[in-house]
Amino acid sequence: MSLDKATVRAIAFLARLDISEEAIEPLIEELSAILHWTEKLQEVDTTNVEPASYVSVSKLYWREDFIDCGGYAETVLTNAPESTKGFFLVPKVVD
């Protein structure tokens, strides 16, 4: 499949790219080569190939789940520039 200038401009517009007139010709060649390559993939016989649901085999490791009630308020509040009554104190943003 070969592309023309109008198609490349449309693709550039959809991709939100500002392409100069000098850059259109090389892009036509590059994009046409990519499309030609993908057309070649259609020629591959995949009748006996099972679809893959994953690319690589990996095992998810589970960590032990435990309940923690925190209790670190004083330690966490030491990182705050200002705090009051166990809470972060932040500047007023909305009047």
PDB file of N, CA and C in Angstrom:
ATOM      1  N   MET A   1       0.848  -1.175   0.000  1.00  0.00           N
ATOM      2  CA  MET A   1       0.000   0.000   0.000  1.00  0.00           C
ATOM      3  C   MET A   1       0.889   1.233   0.000  1.00  0.00           C
ATOM      4  N   SER A   2       0.606   2.132  -0.882  1.00  0.00           N
ATOM      5  CA  SER A   2       1.376   3.366  -0.972  1.00  0.00           C
ATOM      6  C   SER A   2       0.494   4.531  -0.521  1.00  0.00           C
ATOM      7  N   LEU A   3       1.095   5.445   0.181  1.00  0.00           N
ATOM      8  CA  LEU A   3       0.355   6.589   0.707  1.00  0.00           C
ATOM      9  C   LEU A   3       0.596   7.820  -0.160  1.00  0.00           C
ATOM     10  N   ASP A   4      -0.304   8.766  -0.057  1.00  0.00           N
ATOM     11  CA  ASP A   4      -0.105  10.039  -0.743  1.00  0.00           C
ATOM     12  C   ASP A   4       0.044  11.155   0.289  1.00  0.00           C
ATOM     13  N   LYS A   5       0.305  12.368  -0.197  1.00  0.00           N
ATOM     14  CA  LYS A   5       0.547  13.498   0.711  1.00  0.00           C
ATOM     15  C   LYS A   5      -0.660  13.794   1.589  1.00  0.00           C
ATOM     16  N   ALA A   6      -1.858  13.709   1.021  1.00  0.00           N
ATOM     17  CA  ALA A   6      -3.067  14.029   1.779  1.00  0.00           C
ATOM     18  C   ALA A   6      -3.248  13.051   2.950  1.00  0.00           C
ATOM     19  N   THR A   7      -2.948  11.778   2.712  1.00  0.00           N
ATOM     20  CA  THR A   7      -3.090  10.784   3.772  1.00  0.00           C
ATOM     21  C   THR A   7      -2.067  11.017   4.878  1.00  0.00           C
ATOM     22  N   VAL A   8      -0.833  11.331   4.501  1.00  0.00           N
ATOM     23  CA  VAL A   8       0.199  11.598   5.499  1.00  0.00           C
ATOM     24  C   VAL A   8      -0.146  12.843   6.305  1.00  0.00           C
ATOM     25  N   ARG A   9      -0.673  13.866   5.635  1.00  0.00           N
ATOM     26  CA  ARG A   9      -1.106  15.065   6.365  1.00  0.00           C
ATOM     27  C   ARG A   9      -2.229  14.729   7.337  1.00  0.00           C
ATOM     28  N   ALA A  10      -3.160  13.873   6.921  1.00  0.00           N
ATOM     29  CA  ALA A  10      -4.273  13.480   7.795  1.00  0.00           C
ATOM     30  C   ALA A  10      -3.758  12.696   8.999  1.00  0.00           C
ATOM     31  N   ILE A  11      -2.808  11.798   8.773  1.00  0.00           N
ATOM     32  CA  ILE A  11      -2.221  11.036   9.876  1.00  0.00           C
ATOM     33  C   ILE A  11      -1.497  11.975  10.835  1.00  0.00           C
ATOM     34  N   ALA A  12      -0.744  12.933  10.284  1.00  0.00           N
ATOM     35  CA  ALA A  12      -0.032  13.896  11.122  1.00  0.00           C
ATOM     36  C   ALA A  12      -1.011  14.736  11.938  1.00  0.00           C
ATOM     37  N   PHE A  13      -2.121  15.119  11.316  1.00  0.00           N
ATOM     38  CA  PHE A  13      -3.136  15.896  12.030  1.00  0.00           C
ATOM     39  C   PHE A  13      -3.718  15.087  13.185  1.00  0.00           C
ATOM     40  N   LEU A  14      -4.040  13.815  12.925  1.00  0.00           N
ATOM     41  CA  LEU A  14      -4.600  12.963  13.980  1.00  0.00           C
ATOM     42  C   LEU A  14      -3.601  12.727  15.102  1.00  0.00           C
ATOM     43  N   ALA A  15      -2.309  12.686  14.757  1.00  0.00           N
ATOM     44  CA  ALA A  15      -1.271  12.485  15.759  1.00  0.00           C
ATOM     45  C   ALA A  15      -0.842  13.799  16.391  1.00  0.00           C
ATOM     46  N   ARG A  16      -1.470  14.889  15.984  1.00  0.00           N
ATOM     47  CA  ARG A  16      -1.148  16.224  16.494  1.00  0.00           C
ATOM     48  C   ARG A  16       0.321  16.577  16.262  1.00  0.00           C
ATOM     49  N   LEU A  17       0.809  16.265  15.046  1.00  0.00           N
ATOM     50  CA  LEU A  17       2.180  16.568  14.666  1.00  0.00           C
ATOM     51  C   LEU A  17       2.188  17.687  13.643  1.00  0.00           C
ATOM     52  N   ASP A  18       3.095  18.619  13.817  1.00  0.00           N
ATOM     53  CA  ASP A  18       3.269  19.698  12.855  1.00  0.00           C
ATOM     54  C   ASP A  18       4.395  19.285  11.909  1.00  0.00           C
ATOM     55  N   ILE A  19       4.028  18.833  10.718  1.00  0.00           N
ATOM     56  CA  ILE A  19       4.989  18.316   9.752  1.00  0.00           C
ATOM     57  C   ILE A  19       5.195  19.356   8.654  1.00  0.00           C
ATOM     58  N   SER A  20       6.468  19.679   8.387  1.00  0.00           N
ATOM     59  CA  SER A  20       6.779  20.626   7.315  1.00  0.00           C
ATOM     60  C   SER A  20       6.619  19.934   5.961  1.00  0.00           C
ATOM     61  N   GLU A  21       6.512  20.726   4.915  1.00  0.00           N
ATOM     62  CA  GLU A  21       6.354  20.191   3.565  1.00  0.00           C
ATOM     63  C   GLU A  21       7.557  19.344   3.149  1.00  0.00           C
ATOM     64  N   GLU A  22       8.753  19.732   3.607  1.00  0.00           N
ATOM     65  CA  GLU A  22       9.952  18.980   3.230  1.00  0.00           C
ATOM     66  C   GLU A  22       9.969  17.600   3.883  1.00  0.00           C
ATOM     67  N   ALA A  23       9.329  17.468   5.025  1.00  0.00           N
ATOM     68  CA  ALA A  23       9.349  16.199   5.757  1.00  0.00           C
ATOM     69  C   ALA A  23       8.285  15.224   5.272  1.00  0.00           C
ATOM     70  N   ILE A  24       7.355  15.664   4.443  1.00  0.00           N
ATOM     71  CA  ILE A  24       6.257  14.797   4.011  1.00  0.00           C
ATOM     72  C   ILE A  24       6.752  13.678   3.101  1.00  0.00           C
ATOM     73  N   GLU A  25       7.609  13.988   2.136  1.00  0.00           N
ATOM     74  CA  GLU A  25       8.093  12.967   1.199  1.00  0.00           C
ATOM     75  C   GLU A  25       8.811  11.821   1.914  1.00  0.00           C
ATOM     76  N   PRO A  26       9.767  12.113   2.822  1.00  0.00           N
ATOM     77  CA  PRO A  26      10.388  10.988   3.536  1.00  0.00           C
ATOM     78  C   PRO A  26       9.392  10.195   4.379  1.00  0.00           C
ATOM     79  N   LEU A  27       8.398  10.891   4.937  1.00  0.00           N
ATOM     80  CA  LEU A  27       7.382  10.191   5.729  1.00  0.00           C
ATOM     81  C   LEU A  27       6.521   9.284   4.868  1.00  0.00           C
ATOM     82  N   ILE A  28       6.243   9.717   3.645  1.00  0.00           N
ATOM     83  CA  ILE A  28       5.473   8.873   2.732  1.00  0.00           C
ATOM     84  C   ILE A  28       6.216   7.561   2.506  1.00  0.00           C
ATOM     85  N   GLU A  29       7.511   7.656   2.272  1.00  0.00           N
ATOM     86  CA  GLU A  29       8.315   6.453   2.036  1.00  0.00           C
ATOM     87  C   GLU A  29       8.364   5.564   3.290  1.00  0.00           C
ATOM     88  N   GLU A  30       8.588   6.175   4.451  1.00  0.00           N
ATOM     89  CA  GLU A  30       8.697   5.394   5.684  1.00  0.00           C
ATOM     90  C   GLU A  30       7.377   4.711   6.049  1.00  0.00           C
ATOM     91  N   LEU A  31       6.288   5.474   6.001  1.00  0.00           N
ATOM     92  CA  LEU A  31       4.994   4.898   6.357  1.00  0.00           C
ATOM     93  C   LEU A  31       4.557   3.844   5.347  1.00  0.00           C
ATOM     94  N   SER A  32       4.850   4.062   4.073  1.00  0.00           N
ATOM     95  CA  SER A  32       4.516   3.062   3.067  1.00  0.00           C
ATOM     96  C   SER A  32       5.301   1.782   3.295  1.00  0.00           C
ATOM     97  N   ALA A  33       6.576   1.903   3.684  1.00  0.00           N
ATOM     98  CA  ALA A  33       7.389   0.719   3.973  1.00  0.00           C
ATOM     99  C   ALA A  33       6.831  -0.040   5.175  1.00  0.00           C
ATOM    100  N   ILE A  34       6.375   0.679   6.188  1.00  0.00           N
ATOM    101  CA  ILE A  34       5.788   0.038   7.372  1.00  0.00           C
ATOM    102  C   ILE A  34       4.513  -0.703   6.988  1.00  0.00           C
ATOM    103  N   LEU A  35       3.660  -0.062   6.197  1.00  0.00           N
ATOM    104  CA  LEU A  35       2.418  -0.717   5.769  1.00  0.00           C
ATOM    105  C   LEU A  35       2.708  -1.920   4.886  1.00  0.00           C
ATOM    106  N   HIS A  36       3.721  -1.812   4.018  1.00  0.00           N
ATOM    107  CA  HIS A  36       4.101  -2.938   3.174  1.00  0.00           C
ATOM    108  C   HIS A  36       4.565  -4.104   4.044  1.00  0.00           C
ATOM    109  N   TRP A  37       5.317  -3.828   5.087  1.00  0.00           N
ATOM    110  CA  TRP A  37       5.788  -4.869   5.996  1.00  0.00           C
ATOM    111  C   TRP A  37       4.613  -5.544   6.705  1.00  0.00           C
ATOM    112  N   THR A  38       3.639  -4.752   7.146  1.00  0.00           N
ATOM    113  CA  THR A  38       2.481  -5.345   7.819  1.00  0.00           C
ATOM    114  C   THR A  38       1.644  -6.169   6.846  1.00  0.00           C
ATOM    115  N   GLU A  39       1.616  -5.778   5.576  1.00  0.00           N
ATOM    116  CA  GLU A  39       0.915  -6.586   4.579  1.00  0.00           C
ATOM    117  C   GLU A  39       1.612  -7.934   4.400  1.00  0.00           C
ATOM    118  N   LYS A  40       2.940  -7.938   4.509  1.00  0.00           N
ATOM    119  CA  LYS A  40       3.690  -9.186   4.410  1.00  0.00           C
ATOM    120  C   LYS A  40       3.308 -10.138   5.543  1.00  0.00           C
ATOM    121  N   LEU A  41       2.994  -9.593   6.711  1.00  0.00           N
ATOM    122  CA  LEU A  41       2.602 -10.436   7.838  1.00  0.00           C
ATOM    123  C   LEU A  41       1.304 -11.194   7.555  1.00  0.00           C
ATOM    124  N   GLN A  42       0.448 -10.636   6.717  1.00  0.00           N
ATOM    125  CA  GLN A  42      -0.807 -11.301   6.373  1.00  0.00           C
ATOM    126  C   GLN A  42      -0.563 -12.574   5.573  1.00  0.00           C
ATOM    127  N   GLU A  43       0.614 -12.683   4.950  1.00  0.00           N
ATOM    128  CA  GLU A  43       0.932 -13.854   4.134  1.00  0.00           C
ATOM    129  C   GLU A  43       1.392 -15.047   4.977  1.00  0.00           C
ATOM    130  N   VAL A  44       1.694 -14.831   6.233  1.00  0.00           N
ATOM    131  CA  VAL A  44       2.194 -15.902   7.092  1.00  0.00           C
ATOM    132  C   VAL A  44       1.059 -16.872   7.421  1.00  0.00           C
ATOM    133  N   ASP A  45       1.337 -18.159   7.268  1.00  0.00           N
ATOM    134  CA  ASP A  45       0.343 -19.182   7.567  1.00  0.00           C
ATOM    135  C   ASP A  45       0.300 -19.426   9.074  1.00  0.00           C
ATOM    136  N   THR A  46      -0.811 -19.081   9.699  1.00  0.00           N
ATOM    137  CA  THR A  46      -0.969 -19.241  11.153  1.00  0.00           C
ATOM    138  C   THR A  46      -2.104 -20.192  11.491  1.00  0.00           C
ATOM    139  N   THR A  47      -2.434 -21.088  10.577  1.00  0.00           N
ATOM    140  CA  THR A  47      -3.585 -21.968  10.821  1.00  0.00           C
ATOM    141  C   THR A  47      -3.356 -22.919  11.997  1.00  0.00           C
ATOM    142  N   ASN A  48      -2.127 -23.382  12.208  1.00  0.00           N
ATOM    143  CA  ASN A  48      -1.865 -24.322  13.300  1.00  0.00           C
ATOM    144  C   ASN A  48      -1.241 -23.657  14.523  1.00  0.00           C
ATOM    145  N   VAL A  49      -1.327 -22.346  14.605  1.00  0.00           N
ATOM    146  CA  VAL A  49      -0.750 -21.618  15.732  1.00  0.00           C
ATOM    147  C   VAL A  49      -1.873 -21.213  16.678  1.00  0.00           C
ATOM    148  N   GLU A  50      -1.725 -21.624  17.935  1.00  0.00           N
ATOM    149  CA  GLU A  50      -2.740 -21.257  18.920  1.00  0.00           C
ATOM    150  C   GLU A  50      -2.555 -19.804  19.343  1.00  0.00           C
ATOM    151  N   PRO A  51      -3.647 -19.091  19.555  1.00  0.00           N
ATOM    152  CA  PRO A  51      -3.518 -17.709  20.031  1.00  0.00           C
ATOM    153  C   PRO A  51      -2.904 -17.677  21.425  1.00  0.00           C
ATOM    154  N   ALA A  52      -2.048 -16.722  21.663  1.00  0.00           N
ATOM    155  CA  ALA A  52      -1.409 -16.583  22.967  1.00  0.00           C
ATOM    156  C   ALA A  52      -2.175 -15.565  23.799  1.00  0.00           C
ATOM    157  N   SER A  53      -2.433 -15.913  25.037  1.00  0.00           N
ATOM    158  CA  SER A  53      -3.110 -14.969  25.923  1.00  0.00           C
ATOM    159  C   SER A  53      -2.117 -14.177  26.748  1.00  0.00           C
ATOM    160  N   TYR A  54      -0.831 -14.532  26.652  1.00  0.00           N
ATOM    161  CA  TYR A  54       0.210 -13.823  27.370  1.00  0.00           C
ATOM    162  C   TYR A  54       1.504 -13.924  26.572  1.00  0.00           C
ATOM    163  N   VAL A  55       2.397 -13.012  26.815  1.00  0.00           N
ATOM    164  CA  VAL A  55       3.653 -12.990  26.079  1.00  0.00           C
ATOM    165  C   VAL A  55       4.705 -13.833  26.779  1.00  0.00           C
ATOM    166  N   SER A  56       4.834 -13.664  28.063  1.00  0.00           N
ATOM    167  CA  SER A  56       5.832 -14.432  28.798  1.00  0.00           C
ATOM    168  C   SER A  56       5.167 -15.094  29.998  1.00  0.00           C
ATOM    169  N   VAL A  57       5.721 -16.214  30.375  1.00  0.00           N
ATOM    170  CA  VAL A  57       5.194 -16.935  31.526  1.00  0.00           C
ATOM    171  C   VAL A  57       5.799 -16.323  32.777  1.00  0.00           C
ATOM    172  N   SER A  58       4.951 -15.888  33.653  1.00  0.00           N
ATOM    173  CA  SER A  58       5.448 -15.334  34.904  1.00  0.00           C
ATOM    174  C   SER A  58       4.496 -15.728  36.028  1.00  0.00           C
ATOM    175  N   LYS A  59       5.055 -15.886  37.192  1.00  0.00           N
ATOM    176  CA  LYS A  59       4.263 -16.264  38.347  1.00  0.00           C
ATOM    177  C   LYS A  59       4.183 -15.058  39.277  1.00  0.00           C
ATOM    178  N   LEU A  60       2.982 -14.788  39.706  1.00  0.00           N
ATOM    179  CA  LEU A  60       2.786 -13.713  40.663  1.00  0.00           C
ATOM    180  C   LEU A  60       3.031 -14.248  42.062  1.00  0.00           C
ATOM    181  N   TYR A  61       3.872 -13.573  42.782  1.00  0.00           N
ATOM    182  CA  TYR A  61       4.177 -13.997  44.139  1.00  0.00           C
ATOM    183  C   TYR A  61       3.299 -13.225  45.118  1.00  0.00           C
ATOM    184  N   TRP A  62       2.672 -13.941  46.011  1.00  0.00           N
ATOM    185  CA  TRP A  62       1.780 -13.341  46.986  1.00  0.00           C
ATOM    186  C   TRP A  62       2.538 -13.097  48.279  1.00  0.00           C
ATOM    187  N   ARG A  63       2.281 -11.961  48.873  1.00  0.00           N
ATOM    188  CA  ARG A  63       2.844 -11.701  50.182  1.00  0.00           C
ATOM    189  C   ARG A  63       1.751 -11.966  51.218  1.00  0.00           C
ATOM    190  N   GLU A  64       2.184 -12.214  52.420  1.00  0.00           N
ATOM    191  CA  GLU A  64       1.216 -12.471  53.476  1.00  0.00           C
ATOM    192  C   GLU A  64       0.465 -11.183  53.790  1.00  0.00           C
ATOM    193  N   ASP A  65      -0.848 -11.291  53.888  1.00  0.00           N
ATOM    194  CA  ASP A  65      -1.677 -10.140  54.185  1.00  0.00           C
ATOM    195  C   ASP A  65      -1.859 -10.052  55.693  1.00  0.00           C
ATOM    196  N   PHE A  66      -1.656  -8.869  56.232  1.00  0.00           N
ATOM    197  CA  PHE A  66      -1.851  -8.708  57.663  1.00  0.00           C
ATOM    198  C   PHE A  66      -2.523  -7.367  57.931  1.00  0.00           C
ATOM    199  N   ILE A  67      -3.215  -7.299  59.042  1.00  0.00           N
ATOM    200  CA  ILE A  67      -3.940  -6.090  59.422  1.00  0.00           C
ATOM    201  C   ILE A  67      -3.043  -5.250  60.315  1.00  0.00           C
ATOM    202  N   ASP A  68      -2.924  -3.990  59.960  1.00  0.00           N
ATOM    203  CA  ASP A  68      -2.101  -3.056  60.729  1.00  0.00           C
ATOM    204  C   ASP A  68      -2.953  -1.819  60.977  1.00  0.00           C
ATOM    205  N   CYS A  69      -3.111  -1.449  62.209  1.00  0.00           N
ATOM    206  CA  CYS A  69      -3.979  -0.318  62.526  1.00  0.00           C
ATOM    207  C   CYS A  69      -3.227   1.005  62.554  1.00  0.00           C
ATOM    208  N   GLY A  70      -2.017   1.035  62.068  1.00  0.00           N
ATOM    209  CA  GLY A  70      -1.271   2.285  62.011  1.00  0.00           C
ATOM    210  C   GLY A  70      -0.631   2.613  63.327  1.00  0.00           C
ATOM    211  N   GLY A  71      -1.061   3.725  63.894  1.00  0.00           N
ATOM    212  CA  GLY A  71      -0.500   4.154  65.158  1.00  0.00           C
ATOM    213  C   GLY A  71       0.792   4.931  64.999  1.00  0.00           C
ATOM    214  N   TYR A  72       1.024   5.473  63.824  1.00  0.00           N
ATOM    215  CA  TYR A  72       2.254   6.206  63.566  1.00  0.00           C
ATOM    216  C   TYR A  72       2.011   7.693  63.335  1.00  0.00           C
ATOM    217  N   ALA A  73       0.916   8.225  63.848  1.00  0.00           N
ATOM    218  CA  ALA A  73       0.555   9.616  63.562  1.00  0.00           C
ATOM    219  C   ALA A  73       1.648  10.593  63.960  1.00  0.00           C
ATOM    220  N   GLU A  74       2.228  10.415  65.125  1.00  0.00           N
ATOM    221  CA  GLU A  74       3.269  11.335  65.581  1.00  0.00           C
ATOM    222  C   GLU A  74       4.490  11.287  64.660  1.00  0.00           C
ATOM    223  N   THR A  75       4.864  10.089  64.241  1.00  0.00           N
ATOM    224  CA  THR A  75       6.019   9.934  63.353  1.00  0.00           C
ATOM    225  C   THR A  75       5.755  10.576  61.997  1.00  0.00           C
ATOM    226  N   VAL A  76       4.556  10.365  61.465  1.00  0.00           N
ATOM    227  CA  VAL A  76       4.206  10.933  60.163  1.00  0.00           C
ATOM    228  C   VAL A  76       4.136  12.449  60.255  1.00  0.00           C
ATOM    229  N   LEU A  77       3.584  12.970  61.313  1.00  0.00           N
ATOM    230  CA  LEU A  77       3.434  14.417  61.458  1.00  0.00           C
ATOM    231  C   LEU A  77       4.768  15.140  61.637  1.00  0.00           C
ATOM    232  N   THR A  78       5.830  14.423  61.983  1.00  0.00           N
ATOM    233  CA  THR A  78       7.136  15.081  62.081  1.00  0.00           C
ATOM    234  C   THR A  78       7.634  15.538  60.711  1.00  0.00           C
ATOM    235  N   ASN A  79       7.092  14.971  59.635  1.00  0.00           N
ATOM    236  CA  ASN A  79       7.465  15.378  58.277  1.00  0.00           C
ATOM    237  C   ASN A  79       6.716  16.625  57.809  1.00  0.00           C
ATOM    238  N   ALA A  80       5.648  16.981  58.499  1.00  0.00           N
ATOM    239  CA  ALA A  80       4.832  18.123  58.084  1.00  0.00           C
ATOM    240  C   ALA A  80       5.469  19.426  58.539  1.00  0.00           C
ATOM    241  N   PRO A  81       5.407  20.455  57.674  1.00  0.00           N
ATOM    242  CA  PRO A  81       5.925  21.754  58.099  1.00  0.00           C
ATOM    243  C   PRO A  81       5.149  22.304  59.295  1.00  0.00           C
ATOM    244  N   GLU A  82       3.823  22.066  59.289  1.00  0.00           N
ATOM    245  CA  GLU A  82       2.989  22.502  60.394  1.00  0.00           C
ATOM    246  C   GLU A  82       1.916  21.461  60.658  1.00  0.00           C
ATOM    247  N   SER A  83       1.573  21.273  61.936  1.00  0.00           N
ATOM    248  CA  SER A  83       0.496  20.358  62.288  1.00  0.00           C
ATOM    249  C   SER A  83      -0.203  20.904  63.524  1.00  0.00           C
ATOM    250  N   THR A  84      -1.443  20.483  63.702  1.00  0.00           N
ATOM    251  CA  THR A  84      -2.202  20.895  64.877  1.00  0.00           C
ATOM    252  C   THR A  84      -3.186  19.796  65.253  1.00  0.00           C
ATOM    253  N   LYS A  85      -3.235  19.461  66.531  1.00  0.00           N
ATOM    254  CA  LYS A  85      -4.165  18.475  67.087  1.00  0.00           C
ATOM    255  C   LYS A  85      -4.119  17.134  66.345  1.00  0.00           C
ATOM    256  N   GLY A  86      -2.936  16.711  65.901  1.00  0.00           N
ATOM    257  CA  GLY A  86      -2.799  15.421  65.232  1.00  0.00           C
ATOM    258  C   GLY A  86      -3.138  15.433  63.753  1.00  0.00           C
ATOM    259  N   PHE A  87      -3.267  16.616  63.146  1.00  0.00           N
ATOM    260  CA  PHE A  87      -3.582  16.740  61.725  1.00  0.00           C
ATOM    261  C   PHE A  87      -2.563  17.619  61.020  1.00  0.00           C
ATOM    262  N   PHE A  88      -2.438  17.429  59.708  1.00  0.00           N
ATOM    263  CA  PHE A  88      -1.616  18.337  58.911  1.00  0.00           C
ATOM    264  C   PHE A  88      -2.281  19.685  58.842  1.00  0.00           C
ATOM    265  N   LEU A  89      -1.513  20.729  58.950  1.00  0.00           N
ATOM    266  CA  LEU A  89      -2.023  22.083  58.828  1.00  0.00           C
ATOM    267  C   LEU A  89      -1.595  22.610  57.463  1.00  0.00           C
ATOM    268  N   VAL A  90      -2.579  22.955  56.636  1.00  0.00           N
ATOM    269  CA  VAL A  90      -2.264  23.441  55.282  1.00  0.00           C
ATOM    270  C   VAL A  90      -2.848  24.826  55.109  1.00  0.00           C
ATOM    271  N   PRO A  91      -2.245  25.630  54.213  1.00  0.00           N
ATOM    272  CA  PRO A  91      -2.773  26.967  53.992  1.00  0.00           C
ATOM    273  C   PRO A  91      -4.153  26.918  53.317  1.00  0.00           C
ATOM    274  N   LYS A  92      -4.950  27.903  53.618  1.00  0.00           N
ATOM    275  CA  LYS A  92      -6.282  28.012  53.039  1.00  0.00           C
ATOM    276  C   LYS A  92      -6.141  28.338  51.551  1.00  0.00           C
ATOM    277  N   VAL A  93      -6.877  27.607  50.709  1.00  0.00           N
ATOM    278  CA  VAL A  93      -6.758  27.816  49.271  1.00  0.00           C
ATOM    279  C   VAL A  93      -7.989  28.490  48.697  1.00  0.00           C
ATOM    280  N   VAL A  94      -9.135  28.246  49.285  1.00  0.00           N
ATOM    281  CA  VAL A  94     -10.389  28.799  48.770  1.00  0.00           C
ATOM    282  C   VAL A  94     -10.983  29.702  49.836  1.00  0.00           C
ATOM    283  N   ASP A  95     -11.443  30.880  49.422  1.00  0.00           N
ATOM    284  CA  ASP A  95     -12.099  31.794  50.351  1.00  0.00           C
ATOM    285  C   ASP A  95     -13.560  31.477  50.485  1.00  0.00           C
TER     286      ASP A  95
END
